[in-house]
């Protein structure tokens, strides 16, 4: 065996080893998600994956139901839970949850928002109650009760 054939044999062996130990990286299209060694089509907004695609069939999807939503195309098997706008948190529903959008909350009467997020409220706090002889100087987060002092007019 000459030196050239030994180099070719070593190169062939190296290529085989690289193929065995090399991890294939799969790059899916933005409209797909990866599961195992497959790129599967995403389910549309308002849906979730029922079964992942295979070599022989496409992804199957189911609509979001029972207070769940999915606002983007997805490869997830579960929809996201809708936000609860409960009176115990000082919130009420501003916009109801749909299959494609989450609930939006707003403060109940007598409450103010302490955690605004874009166009809705994530947490609210009850306004302070003024005592007799006091009034609200600033509404909202910075409520200050100011005592009105009685002025003696000199009359008895």
Protein backbone atom coordinates (compact mmCIF):
# COMPACT_ATOMS: atom_id res chain seq x y z
CA UNK A 1 0.00 0.00 0.00
CA UNK A 2 1.47 3.34 -0.93
CA UNK A 3 1.36 6.58 1.03
CA UNK A 4 -1.39 8.07 -1.19
CA UNK A 5 -3.78 5.16 -0.54
CA UNK A 6 -3.09 5.37 3.22
CA UNK A 7 -4.04 9.07 3.18
CA UNK A 8 -7.24 8.30 1.24
CA UNK A 9 -8.13 5.54 3.67
CA UNK A 10 -7.53 7.85 6.65
CA UNK A 11 -9.60 10.61 5.02
CA UNK A 12 -12.44 8.17 4.33
CA UNK A 13 -12.36 6.98 7.92
CA UNK A 14 -12.42 10.58 9.17
CA UNK A 15 -15.43 11.42 6.96
CA UNK A 16 -17.28 8.36 8.28
CA UNK A 17 -16.55 9.35 11.88
CA UNK A 18 -17.72 12.92 11.29
CA UNK A 19 -20.98 11.65 9.80
CA UNK A 20 -21.54 9.30 12.75
CA UNK A 21 -20.76 11.82 15.49
CA UNK A 22 -21.97 14.98 13.80
CA UNK A 23 -25.33 16.23 15.04
CA UNK A 24 -27.50 17.31 12.16
CA UNK A 25 -28.91 20.76 12.70
CA UNK A 26 -32.29 21.28 11.11
CA UNK A 27 -33.37 24.77 10.15
CA UNK A 28 -37.11 25.09 9.67
CA UNK A 29 -38.93 27.79 7.72
CA UNK A 30 -40.54 30.55 9.88
CA UNK A 31 -43.98 29.02 9.15
CA UNK A 32 -42.81 25.68 10.59
CA UNK A 33 -41.66 24.26 13.92
CA UNK A 34 -39.21 21.47 14.62
CA UNK A 35 -40.22 18.20 16.26
CA UNK A 36 -37.56 15.49 16.22
CA UNK A 37 -36.05 15.49 12.72
CA UNK A 38 -39.13 16.99 11.06
CA UNK A 39 -40.15 20.54 10.18
CA UNK A 40 -43.92 20.65 10.68
CA UNK A 41 -46.38 23.37 9.58
CA UNK A 42 -47.49 25.64 12.44
CA UNK A 43 -51.13 25.60 13.54
CA UNK A 44 -52.85 28.95 12.90
CA UNK A 45 -53.74 31.44 15.65
CA UNK A 46 -56.67 30.23 17.75
CA UNK A 47 -55.51 26.61 17.43
CA UNK A 48 -53.11 24.12 19.01
CA UNK A 49 -51.34 21.01 17.75
CA UNK A 50 -53.34 17.79 18.06
CA UNK A 51 -50.67 15.59 16.41
CA UNK A 52 -47.28 16.53 15.02
CA UNK A 53 -46.57 15.94 11.36
CA UNK A 54 -44.69 12.90 10.14
CA UNK A 55 -42.98 12.03 6.91
CA UNK A 56 -46.40 10.92 5.61
CA UNK A 57 -48.93 13.41 7.07
CA UNK A 58 -49.20 17.09 7.99
CA UNK A 59 -49.71 18.62 11.43
CA UNK A 60 -53.28 18.27 12.71
CA UNK A 61 -54.71 21.16 14.74
CA UNK A 62 -57.59 21.72 17.15
CA UNK A 63 -59.25 25.03 18.12
CA UNK A 64 -58.61 26.57 21.54
CA UNK A 65 -61.61 26.08 23.89
CA UNK A 66 -62.62 26.48 27.56
CA UNK A 67 -61.04 29.83 28.47
CA UNK A 68 -57.85 29.29 26.45
CA UNK A 69 -56.33 31.19 23.52
CA UNK A 70 -53.40 31.20 21.11
CA UNK A 71 -52.58 34.61 19.65
CA UNK A 72 -49.84 33.44 17.23
CA UNK A 73 -49.28 30.49 14.91
CA UNK A 74 -47.91 27.68 17.09
CA UNK A 75 -46.37 24.26 17.40
CA UNK A 76 -47.58 23.88 21.01
CA UNK A 77 -49.95 21.11 22.09
CA UNK A 78 -51.72 23.32 24.67
CA UNK A 79 -53.42 26.69 24.28
CA UNK A 80 -52.62 29.42 26.80
CA UNK A 81 -55.01 30.04 29.72
CA UNK A 82 -57.05 33.24 29.55
CA UNK A 83 -56.32 35.93 32.14
CA UNK A 84 -58.89 36.07 34.94
CA UNK A 85 -60.20 39.53 35.79
CA UNK A 86 -61.67 38.73 39.20
CA UNK A 87 -63.27 41.09 41.70
CA UNK A 88 -60.95 39.67 44.38
CA UNK A 89 -58.07 41.31 42.46
CA UNK A 90 -59.97 44.59 42.01
CA UNK A 91 -60.41 43.98 38.28
CA UNK A 92 -63.25 43.42 35.83
CA UNK A 93 -63.30 42.34 32.19
CA UNK A 94 -62.66 45.12 29.69
CA UNK A 95 -62.44 42.76 26.68
CA UNK A 96 -63.38 39.07 26.89
CA UNK A 97 -61.01 36.27 25.93
CA UNK A 98 -61.44 34.72 22.48
CA UNK A 99 -59.64 31.82 20.78
CA UNK A 100 -57.10 34.32 19.38
CA UNK A 101 -56.90 37.02 22.09
CA UNK A 102 -56.42 37.08 25.86
CA UNK A 103 -58.81 38.86 28.24
CA UNK A 104 -58.08 42.50 28.98
CA UNK A 105 -58.87 43.82 32.46
CA UNK A 106 -59.72 47.22 33.93
CA UNK A 107 -60.09 48.37 37.55
CA UNK A 108 -63.43 48.04 39.33
CA UNK A 109 -65.19 51.21 40.46
CA UNK A 110 -63.31 52.53 43.52
CA UNK A 111 -60.01 50.91 42.42
CA UNK A 112 -57.06 52.19 40.41
CA UNK A 113 -54.50 50.39 38.26
CA UNK A 114 -51.12 49.72 39.88
CA UNK A 115 -49.75 47.53 37.05
CA UNK A 116 -50.65 48.95 33.63
CA UNK A 117 -49.60 46.80 30.65
CA UNK A 118 -50.09 48.41 27.23
CA UNK A 119 -53.86 49.06 27.00
CA UNK A 120 -55.05 47.13 30.04
CA UNK A 121 -54.46 46.58 33.76
CA UNK A 122 -52.80 43.55 35.40
CA UNK A 123 -53.36 44.59 39.05
CA UNK A 124 -55.49 47.12 40.88
CA UNK A 125 -55.67 48.59 44.36
CA UNK A 126 -58.61 50.06 46.26
CA UNK A 127 -58.73 53.83 46.66
CA UNK A 128 -58.27 55.06 50.20
CA UNK A 129 -61.43 56.27 51.92
CA UNK A 130 -61.34 59.79 53.27
CA UNK A 131 -62.47 60.48 56.81
CA UNK A 132 -65.03 63.19 57.55
CA UNK A 133 -63.37 66.56 56.97
CA UNK A 134 -60.89 65.15 54.40
CA UNK A 135 -60.85 65.14 50.62
CA UNK A 136 -58.85 63.42 47.90
CA UNK A 137 -56.02 65.63 46.72
CA UNK A 138 -54.74 63.27 43.96
CA UNK A 139 -56.65 60.35 42.41
CA UNK A 140 -54.90 57.13 41.49
CA UNK A 141 -51.62 55.85 42.78
CA UNK A 142 -50.78 58.85 44.88
CA UNK A 143 -53.90 59.39 46.94
CA UNK A 144 -53.37 61.88 49.72
CA UNK A 145 -56.09 62.68 52.20
CA UNK A 146 -55.89 66.29 53.38
CA UNK A 147 -57.62 67.36 56.53
CA UNK A 148 -59.70 70.48 56.15
CA UNK A 149 -59.20 72.58 59.21
CA UNK A 150 -62.28 74.12 60.77
CA UNK A 151 -62.04 77.88 60.72
CA UNK A 152 -63.38 79.61 63.78
CA UNK A 153 -65.49 82.50 62.56
CA UNK A 154 -65.64 83.95 66.01
CA UNK A 155 -69.37 83.34 66.28
CA UNK A 156 -70.75 81.31 69.13
